Amino acid sequence: MKEEIVEFVIADIDLYLINKARELRVARGISQLKLSIALGLTEGAVSKIESPKQRAKYNIRHINLLAKALRCNPSDLLPPKPLKNDLVRVKIKIIRNSTARKGEPNYQIIEKVPLKD
């Protein structure tokens, strides 16, 4: 099995929102396709947003749409307190085999380092 390491810079709030929306989506048994359609996005949009190799992200408008589709409050998608960091450099390991459980991300965060302001 070949291991793939990917490194990228992302806003910590974007990473939080992506992970929280995925967590709620999986807990409610909603597929990526069904959520994409509920948000009025293209069929593969949520898949691209949840993929660590893509740079797609949710925007502020999506928070309300996500809350409706996931049957939660918009505040449930956001951190309870301001995040300490703005931008972070994230290093992840892509999981290439079936060791990832259904609904779980196909990657593991190895390192998350804040970038200096």
N, C-alpha and C. Protein backbone atom coordinates (compact mmCIF):
# COMPACT_ATOMS: atom_id res chain seq x y z
N MET A 1 0.84 -1.19 0.00
CA MET A 1 0.00 0.00 0.00
C MET A 1 0.89 1.25 0.00
N LYS A 2 0.64 2.13 -0.95
CA LYS A 2 1.41 3.37 -1.05
C LYS A 2 0.76 4.43 -0.18
N GLU A 3 1.57 5.06 0.62
CA GLU A 3 1.09 6.12 1.50
C GLU A 3 1.25 7.46 0.80
N GLU A 4 0.23 8.29 0.88
CA GLU A 4 0.31 9.61 0.26
C GLU A 4 0.12 10.67 1.33
N ILE A 5 1.07 11.59 1.38
CA ILE A 5 1.01 12.70 2.32
C ILE A 5 0.69 13.96 1.53
N VAL A 6 -0.29 14.71 1.98
CA VAL A 6 -0.69 15.96 1.33
C VAL A 6 -0.59 17.07 2.36
N GLU A 7 -0.07 18.22 1.92
CA GLU A 7 0.06 19.37 2.80
C GLU A 7 -0.60 20.57 2.12
N PHE A 8 -1.35 21.34 2.90
CA PHE A 8 -2.03 22.50 2.34
C PHE A 8 -2.30 23.53 3.43
N VAL A 9 -2.61 24.74 3.00
CA VAL A 9 -2.96 25.83 3.92
C VAL A 9 -4.44 26.08 3.79
N ILE A 10 -5.11 26.24 4.92
CA ILE A 10 -6.55 26.46 4.95
C ILE A 10 -6.88 27.32 6.16
N ALA A 11 -7.96 28.06 6.08
CA ALA A 11 -8.43 28.80 7.25
C ALA A 11 -8.93 27.78 8.27
N ASP A 12 -8.54 27.95 9.51
CA ASP A 12 -8.93 27.01 10.56
C ASP A 12 -10.45 26.92 10.67
N ILE A 13 -11.15 28.03 10.46
CA ILE A 13 -12.62 28.02 10.52
C ILE A 13 -13.22 27.19 9.39
N ASP A 14 -12.61 27.23 8.20
CA ASP A 14 -13.08 26.41 7.08
C ASP A 14 -12.92 24.93 7.40
N LEU A 15 -11.76 24.57 7.95
CA LEU A 15 -11.50 23.18 8.32
C LEU A 15 -12.49 22.71 9.38
N TYR A 16 -12.77 23.57 10.35
CA TYR A 16 -13.73 23.24 11.41
C TYR A 16 -15.12 22.99 10.81
N LEU A 17 -15.58 23.91 9.97
CA LEU A 17 -16.91 23.80 9.36
C LEU A 17 -17.03 22.54 8.50
N ILE A 18 -16.02 22.25 7.69
CA ILE A 18 -16.05 21.06 6.85
C ILE A 18 -16.16 19.80 7.71
N ASN A 19 -15.34 19.72 8.75
CA ASN A 19 -15.36 18.53 9.61
C ASN A 19 -16.65 18.41 10.40
N LYS A 20 -17.19 19.52 10.89
CA LYS A 20 -18.43 19.49 11.67
C LYS A 20 -19.61 19.11 10.78
N ALA A 21 -19.67 19.67 9.58
CA ALA A 21 -20.76 19.33 8.66
C ALA A 21 -20.70 17.85 8.28
N ARG A 22 -19.49 17.33 8.04
CA ARG A 22 -19.34 15.90 7.73
C ARG A 22 -19.82 15.05 8.91
N GLU A 23 -19.40 15.42 10.10
CA GLU A 23 -19.79 14.67 11.31
C GLU A 23 -21.32 14.61 11.44
N LEU A 24 -21.99 15.74 11.27
CA LEU A 24 -23.45 15.79 11.38
C LEU A 24 -24.12 15.05 10.22
N ARG A 25 -23.55 15.19 9.03
CA ARG A 25 -24.10 14.50 7.85
C ARG A 25 -24.09 12.99 8.06
N VAL A 26 -22.96 12.47 8.51
CA VAL A 26 -22.82 11.03 8.73
C VAL A 26 -23.74 10.57 9.86
N ALA A 27 -23.80 11.33 10.95
CA ALA A 27 -24.65 10.97 12.09
C ALA A 27 -26.13 10.89 11.69
N ARG A 28 -26.51 11.68 10.70
CA ARG A 28 -27.92 11.69 10.27
C ARG A 28 -28.16 10.77 9.06
N GLY A 29 -27.11 10.09 8.61
CA GLY A 29 -27.26 9.14 7.51
C GLY A 29 -27.54 9.79 6.17
N ILE A 30 -27.02 10.99 5.97
CA ILE A 30 -27.24 11.72 4.72
C ILE A 30 -26.00 11.55 3.84
N SER A 31 -26.20 11.13 2.60
CA SER A 31 -25.08 10.94 1.68
C SER A 31 -24.55 12.29 1.21
N GLN A 32 -23.34 12.26 0.67
CA GLN A 32 -22.77 13.47 0.09
C GLN A 32 -23.64 13.97 -1.06
N LEU A 33 -24.13 13.05 -1.87
CA LEU A 33 -24.98 13.40 -3.00
C LEU A 33 -26.26 14.07 -2.53
N LYS A 34 -26.91 13.49 -1.56
CA LYS A 34 -28.18 14.05 -1.06
C LYS A 34 -27.96 15.44 -0.46
N LEU A 35 -26.85 15.62 0.26
CA LEU A 35 -26.57 16.93 0.83
C LEU A 35 -26.26 17.94 -0.27
N SER A 36 -25.51 17.54 -1.28
CA SER A 36 -25.23 18.44 -2.41
C SER A 36 -26.52 18.95 -3.04
N ILE A 37 -27.45 18.04 -3.25
CA ILE A 37 -28.74 18.40 -3.86
C ILE A 37 -29.52 19.32 -2.93
N ALA A 38 -29.53 19.02 -1.64
CA ALA A 38 -30.26 19.86 -0.67
C ALA A 38 -29.69 21.27 -0.61
N LEU A 39 -28.40 21.41 -0.87
CA LEU A 39 -27.76 22.72 -0.85
C LEU A 39 -27.90 23.46 -2.18
N GLY A 40 -28.44 22.76 -3.20
CA GLY A 40 -28.57 23.38 -4.51
C GLY A 40 -27.25 23.46 -5.25
N LEU A 41 -26.33 22.54 -4.93
CA LEU A 41 -25.02 22.54 -5.55
C LEU A 41 -24.93 21.40 -6.56
N THR A 42 -23.85 21.36 -7.31
CA THR A 42 -23.65 20.26 -8.26
C THR A 42 -23.53 18.95 -7.49
N GLU A 43 -23.77 17.85 -8.18
CA GLU A 43 -23.82 16.54 -7.53
C GLU A 43 -22.56 16.20 -6.73
N GLY A 44 -21.40 16.58 -7.20
CA GLY A 44 -20.16 16.21 -6.52
C GLY A 44 -19.61 17.27 -5.58
N ALA A 45 -20.38 18.33 -5.34
CA ALA A 45 -19.86 19.46 -4.56
C ALA A 45 -19.43 19.07 -3.15
N VAL A 46 -20.28 18.37 -2.42
CA VAL A 46 -19.94 18.00 -1.04
C VAL A 46 -18.74 17.05 -1.02
N SER A 47 -18.69 16.16 -1.99
CA SER A 47 -17.54 15.26 -2.10
C SER A 47 -16.25 16.05 -2.27
N LYS A 48 -16.28 17.07 -3.11
CA LYS A 48 -15.10 17.91 -3.32
C LYS A 48 -14.76 18.70 -2.07
N ILE A 49 -15.77 19.22 -1.39
CA ILE A 49 -15.53 20.00 -0.17
C ILE A 49 -14.90 19.11 0.91
N GLU A 50 -15.36 17.88 1.03
CA GLU A 50 -14.85 16.98 2.07
C GLU A 50 -13.52 16.31 1.68
N SER A 51 -13.10 16.45 0.44
CA SER A 51 -11.85 15.84 -0.01
C SER A 51 -10.66 16.73 0.35
N PRO A 52 -9.66 16.16 1.00
CA PRO A 52 -8.49 16.97 1.37
C PRO A 52 -7.64 17.39 0.17
N LYS A 53 -7.86 16.79 -0.98
CA LYS A 53 -7.06 17.12 -2.16
C LYS A 53 -7.70 18.24 -2.98
N GLN A 54 -8.89 18.65 -2.62
CA GLN A 54 -9.60 19.72 -3.33
C GLN A 54 -9.57 20.98 -2.47
N ARG A 55 -9.73 22.11 -3.09
CA ARG A 55 -9.73 23.38 -2.35
C ARG A 55 -11.13 23.95 -2.20
N ALA A 56 -12.15 23.21 -2.56
CA ALA A 56 -13.53 23.69 -2.43
C ALA A 56 -13.88 23.84 -0.96
N LYS A 57 -14.70 24.84 -0.63
CA LYS A 57 -15.10 25.09 0.75
C LYS A 57 -16.55 25.54 0.77
N TYR A 58 -17.14 25.45 1.95
CA TYR A 58 -18.46 26.06 2.15
C TYR A 58 -18.26 27.56 2.28
N ASN A 59 -19.29 28.34 1.94
CA ASN A 59 -19.21 29.77 2.18
C ASN A 59 -20.26 30.15 3.22
N ILE A 60 -20.33 31.40 3.56
CA ILE A 60 -21.21 31.86 4.63
C ILE A 60 -22.68 31.54 4.33
N ARG A 61 -23.08 31.62 3.08
CA ARG A 61 -24.45 31.29 2.68
C ARG A 61 -24.77 29.82 2.96
N HIS A 62 -23.80 28.96 2.80
CA HIS A 62 -24.00 27.53 3.00
C HIS A 62 -24.32 27.18 4.45
N ILE A 63 -23.90 28.01 5.41
CA ILE A 63 -24.15 27.68 6.81
C ILE A 63 -25.65 27.54 7.08
N ASN A 64 -26.44 28.46 6.58
CA ASN A 64 -27.89 28.39 6.77
C ASN A 64 -28.48 27.19 6.03
N LEU A 65 -28.03 26.96 4.81
CA LEU A 65 -28.52 25.83 4.02
C LEU A 65 -28.12 24.49 4.66
N LEU A 66 -26.90 24.42 5.18
CA LEU A 66 -26.46 23.21 5.88
C LEU A 66 -27.32 22.96 7.11
N ALA A 67 -27.60 24.02 7.85
CA ALA A 67 -28.41 23.87 9.06
C ALA A 67 -29.79 23.33 8.73
N LYS A 68 -30.39 23.81 7.66
CA LYS A 68 -31.70 23.29 7.24
C LYS A 68 -31.61 21.82 6.84
N ALA A 69 -30.63 21.49 6.01
CA ALA A 69 -30.50 20.13 5.49
C ALA A 69 -30.11 19.13 6.59
N LEU A 70 -29.31 19.59 7.56
CA LEU A 70 -28.83 18.70 8.62
C LEU A 70 -29.71 18.77 9.87
N ARG A 71 -30.78 19.55 9.78
CA ARG A 71 -31.73 19.69 10.89
C ARG A 71 -31.03 20.07 12.20
N CYS A 72 -30.32 21.19 12.12
CA CYS A 72 -29.62 21.70 13.30
C CYS A 72 -29.66 23.23 13.26
N ASN A 73 -29.15 23.84 14.28
CA ASN A 73 -29.03 25.30 14.30
C ASN A 73 -27.74 25.70 13.58
N PRO A 74 -27.72 26.85 12.94
CA PRO A 74 -26.48 27.30 12.31
C PRO A 74 -25.31 27.32 13.31
N SER A 75 -25.61 27.65 14.55
CA SER A 75 -24.54 27.70 15.57
C SER A 75 -23.92 26.33 15.84
N ASP A 76 -24.66 25.25 15.54
CA ASP A 76 -24.12 23.90 15.74
C ASP A 76 -22.99 23.60 14.77
N LEU A 77 -22.88 24.36 13.71
CA LEU A 77 -21.85 24.15 12.69
C LEU A 77 -20.58 24.95 12.96
N LEU A 78 -20.67 25.85 13.92
CA LEU A 78 -19.55 26.75 14.21
C LEU A 78 -18.96 26.46 15.58
N PRO A 79 -17.70 26.84 15.80
CA PRO A 79 -17.10 26.59 17.11
C PRO A 79 -17.79 27.41 18.20
N PRO A 80 -17.82 26.90 19.42
CA PRO A 80 -18.49 27.62 20.51
C PRO A 80 -17.77 28.91 20.90
N LYS A 81 -16.47 28.98 20.62
CA LYS A 81 -15.67 30.16 20.91
C LYS A 81 -14.81 30.46 19.68
N PRO A 82 -14.33 31.70 19.57
CA PRO A 82 -13.45 32.01 18.43
C PRO A 82 -12.24 31.07 18.41
N LEU A 83 -11.86 30.65 17.22
CA LEU A 83 -10.68 29.82 17.08
C LEU A 83 -9.43 30.67 17.28
N LYS A 84 -8.43 30.06 17.83
CA LYS A 84 -7.19 30.76 18.15
C LYS A 84 -6.43 31.19 16.89
N ASN A 85 -6.52 30.36 15.84
CA ASN A 85 -5.72 30.59 14.64
C ASN A 85 -6.58 30.99 13.45
N ASP A 86 -5.97 31.78 12.57
CA ASP A 86 -6.63 32.12 11.32
C ASP A 86 -6.29 31.06 10.28
N LEU A 87 -5.09 31.09 9.77
CA LEU A 87 -4.66 30.10 8.77
C LEU A 87 -3.80 29.04 9.43
N VAL A 88 -3.97 27.81 8.94
CA VAL A 88 -3.15 26.70 9.45
C VAL A 88 -2.60 25.91 8.27
N ARG A 89 -1.42 25.35 8.48
CA ARG A 89 -0.83 24.43 7.51
C ARG A 89 -1.15 23.04 8.03
N VAL A 90 -1.84 22.26 7.19
CA VAL A 90 -2.29 20.93 7.59
C VAL A 90 -1.55 19.89 6.77
N LYS A 91 -1.06 18.87 7.44
CA LYS A 91 -0.42 17.74 6.78
C LYS A 91 -1.30 16.53 7.07
N ILE A 92 -1.71 15.85 6.01
CA ILE A 92 -2.59 14.69 6.17
C ILE A 92 -2.02 13.47 5.47
N LYS A 93 -2.44 12.31 5.95
CA LYS A 93 -2.09 11.05 5.30
C LYS A 93 -3.36 10.51 4.68
N ILE A 94 -3.32 10.27 3.37
CA ILE A 94 -4.46 9.71 2.64
C ILE A 94 -4.52 8.21 2.92
N ILE A 95 -5.69 7.72 3.28
CA ILE A 95 -5.91 6.30 3.53
C ILE A 95 -6.40 5.68 2.23
N ARG A 96 -5.61 4.79 1.65
CA ARG A 96 -5.89 4.23 0.33
C ARG A 96 -6.63 2.90 0.35
N ASN A 97 -6.78 2.29 1.51
CA ASN A 97 -7.45 0.98 1.52
C ASN A 97 -8.76 1.06 2.30
N SER A 98 -9.33 -0.05 2.59
CA SER A 98 -10.63 -0.09 3.23
C SER A 98 -10.55 0.00 4.76
N THR A 99 -9.43 0.48 5.30
CA THR A 99 -9.34 0.61 6.75
C THR A 99 -10.19 1.77 7.27
N ALA A 100 -10.53 2.70 6.39
CA ALA A 100 -11.41 3.79 6.81
C ALA A 100 -12.83 3.24 6.92
N ARG A 101 -13.47 3.52 8.03
CA ARG A 101 -14.85 3.07 8.22
C ARG A 101 -15.80 3.92 7.40
N LYS A 102 -16.93 3.33 7.06
CA LYS A 102 -17.92 4.04 6.25
C LYS A 102 -18.30 5.35 6.94
N GLY A 103 -18.28 6.41 6.16
CA GLY A 103 -18.66 7.72 6.68
C GLY A 103 -17.52 8.50 7.29
N GLU A 104 -16.43 7.83 7.60
CA GLU A 104 -15.29 8.52 8.17
C GLU A 104 -14.44 9.10 7.05
N PRO A 105 -13.68 10.14 7.35
CA PRO A 105 -12.82 10.71 6.32
C PRO A 105 -11.82 9.66 5.84
N ASN A 106 -11.40 9.79 4.59
CA ASN A 106 -10.41 8.85 4.05
C ASN A 106 -9.00 9.40 4.25
N TYR A 107 -8.84 10.17 5.31
CA TYR A 107 -7.52 10.71 5.63
C TYR A 107 -7.38 10.88 7.14
N GLN A 108 -6.13 11.05 7.54
CA GLN A 108 -5.83 11.27 8.94
C GLN A 108 -4.98 12.53 9.03
N ILE A 109 -5.36 13.46 9.90
CA ILE A 109 -4.55 14.67 10.10
C ILE A 109 -3.32 14.28 10.91
N ILE A 110 -2.17 14.54 10.35
CA ILE A 110 -0.90 14.23 11.00
C ILE A 110 -0.41 15.44 11.80
N GLU A 111 -0.59 16.61 11.20
CA GLU A 111 -0.06 17.82 11.81
C GLU A 111 -0.90 19.01 11.39
N LYS A 112 -1.11 19.92 12.33
CA LYS A 112 -1.81 21.17 12.05
C LYS A 112 -1.03 22.28 12.76
N VAL A 113 -0.41 23.15 11.95
CA VAL A 113 0.45 24.18 12.48
C VAL A 113 -0.10 25.55 12.13
N PRO A 114 -0.28 26.42 13.12
CA PRO A 114 -0.76 27.77 12.80
C PRO A 114 0.28 28.56 12.03
N LEU A 115 -0.20 29.37 11.07
CA LEU A 115 0.69 30.27 10.35
C LEU A 115 0.74 31.59 11.11
N LYS A 116 1.85 32.22 11.09
CA LYS A 116 2.01 33.50 11.79
C LYS A 116 1.21 34.57 11.07
N ASP A 117 0.57 35.42 11.85
CA ASP A 117 -0.22 36.53 11.28
C ASP A 117 0.66 37.60 10.72
